[in-house]
């Protein structure tokens, strides 16, 4: 399996509070078959994209765009994508994972 992390300077909450230190959090990968369901991201989630989060606990937020999704496998850290988009308005929405390209 993969251990993946999202890293960024984005808002800490939907009120726009910014962190003093670079933030990093473990985040679960969501399979494309789930992420592309109509009640998730539907056709906005392309097969070339990676979705992670959507549990309502950990996600990217405003200001995280361009930041990495990095995963550890085979004793090596690799960047698997960069933050592309997430839900408008409130962050950490259930069934609205952060999407990476």
Protein backbone atom coordinates (compact mmCIF):
# COMPACT_ATOMS: atom_id res chain seq x y z
CA UNK A 1 0.00 0.00 0.00
CA UNK A 2 0.85 3.66 -0.17
CA UNK A 3 1.31 6.17 2.59
CA UNK A 4 0.39 9.54 1.07
CA UNK A 5 0.54 13.08 2.40
CA UNK A 6 -0.81 16.45 1.35
CA UNK A 7 1.40 19.45 2.10
CA UNK A 8 0.62 23.14 1.82
CA UNK A 9 0.15 26.65 3.15
CA UNK A 10 -3.61 26.69 2.55
CA UNK A 11 -6.32 27.79 4.95
CA UNK A 12 -6.74 25.80 8.15
CA UNK A 13 -10.53 26.13 8.02
CA UNK A 14 -13.32 27.62 5.91
CA UNK A 15 -12.93 30.94 7.76
CA UNK A 16 -9.63 31.49 5.94
CA UNK A 17 -7.29 31.19 8.93
CA UNK A 18 -3.76 30.70 7.59
CA UNK A 19 -1.11 28.50 9.22
CA UNK A 20 2.12 29.86 10.72
CA UNK A 21 3.99 26.71 9.66
CA UNK A 22 3.85 24.53 6.56
CA UNK A 23 1.14 21.92 7.08
CA UNK A 24 1.28 18.23 6.22
CA UNK A 25 -1.29 15.51 6.79
CA UNK A 26 -1.80 11.86 5.84
CA UNK A 27 -4.54 11.49 3.26
CA UNK A 28 -6.23 8.43 1.77
CA UNK A 29 -6.35 7.85 -1.98
CA UNK A 30 -9.86 7.45 -3.42
CA UNK A 31 -10.25 5.11 -6.40
CA UNK A 32 -11.31 6.75 -9.66
CA UNK A 33 -14.43 4.56 -9.80
CA UNK A 34 -15.57 6.18 -6.54
CA UNK A 35 -14.32 9.72 -7.18
CA UNK A 36 -16.10 9.85 -10.55
CA UNK A 37 -19.51 8.86 -9.13
CA UNK A 38 -22.16 11.55 -9.79
CA UNK A 39 -22.52 12.35 -6.08
CA UNK A 40 -18.72 12.77 -5.78
CA UNK A 41 -17.00 14.68 -8.64
CA UNK A 42 -18.68 12.98 -11.59
CA UNK A 43 -17.15 13.74 -14.99
CA UNK A 44 -14.92 16.47 -13.45
CA UNK A 45 -12.70 13.67 -12.10
CA UNK A 46 -10.75 12.60 -15.16
CA UNK A 47 -8.91 9.27 -15.33
CA UNK A 48 -5.60 11.17 -15.40
CA UNK A 49 -6.36 12.74 -12.00
CA UNK A 50 -5.84 11.38 -8.49
CA UNK A 51 -8.43 11.95 -5.77
CA UNK A 52 -7.60 11.86 -2.06
CA UNK A 53 -9.56 12.62 1.08
CA UNK A 54 -13.32 13.07 1.01
CA UNK A 55 -13.69 11.70 4.54
CA UNK A 56 -14.74 15.06 5.98
CA UNK A 57 -11.60 15.18 8.15
CA UNK A 58 -8.52 15.87 6.00
CA UNK A 59 -8.40 17.70 2.68
CA UNK A 60 -6.74 20.48 0.79
CA UNK A 61 -8.16 23.96 1.29
CA UNK A 62 -7.94 27.42 -0.25
CA UNK A 63 -4.30 28.25 -0.93
CA UNK A 64 -3.09 24.64 -1.25
CA UNK A 65 -3.31 24.61 -5.07
CA UNK A 66 -0.02 23.58 -6.66
CA UNK A 67 1.12 21.75 -3.54
CA UNK A 68 2.21 18.10 -3.68
CA UNK A 69 0.58 14.78 -3.01
CA UNK A 70 3.59 12.70 -2.09
CA UNK A 71 3.52 8.98 -1.38
CA UNK A 72 6.04 6.54 0.06
CA UNK A 73 6.46 3.20 -1.69
CA UNK A 74 9.40 0.91 -2.40
CA UNK A 75 11.50 2.90 0.11
CA UNK A 76 11.17 6.07 -2.00
CA UNK A 77 9.06 9.24 -1.70
CA UNK A 78 7.43 10.24 -4.99
CA UNK A 79 5.17 13.12 -5.99
CA UNK A 80 1.97 11.58 -7.37
CA UNK A 81 0.21 14.84 -8.18
CA UNK A 82 -0.29 18.49 -7.38
CA UNK A 83 -3.43 20.03 -5.87
CA UNK A 84 -5.76 21.04 -8.68
CA UNK A 85 -9.17 21.60 -7.07
CA UNK A 86 -11.54 20.80 -4.24
CA UNK A 87 -14.96 21.98 -3.15
CA UNK A 88 -15.75 25.69 -3.33
CA UNK A 89 -16.70 27.20 0.00
CA UNK A 90 -16.23 24.84 2.90
CA UNK A 91 -13.23 22.50 2.95
CA UNK A 92 -13.26 18.92 4.30
CA UNK A 93 -16.59 18.00 2.73
CA UNK A 94 -17.61 14.35 2.76
CA UNK A 95 -17.57 12.86 -0.76
CA UNK A 96 -15.68 15.89 -2.15
CA UNK A 97 -12.03 14.85 -2.05
CA UNK A 98 -9.10 17.00 -3.08
CA UNK A 99 -8.24 16.37 -6.74
CA UNK A 100 -4.65 16.25 -7.96
CA UNK A 101 -3.26 16.40 -11.51
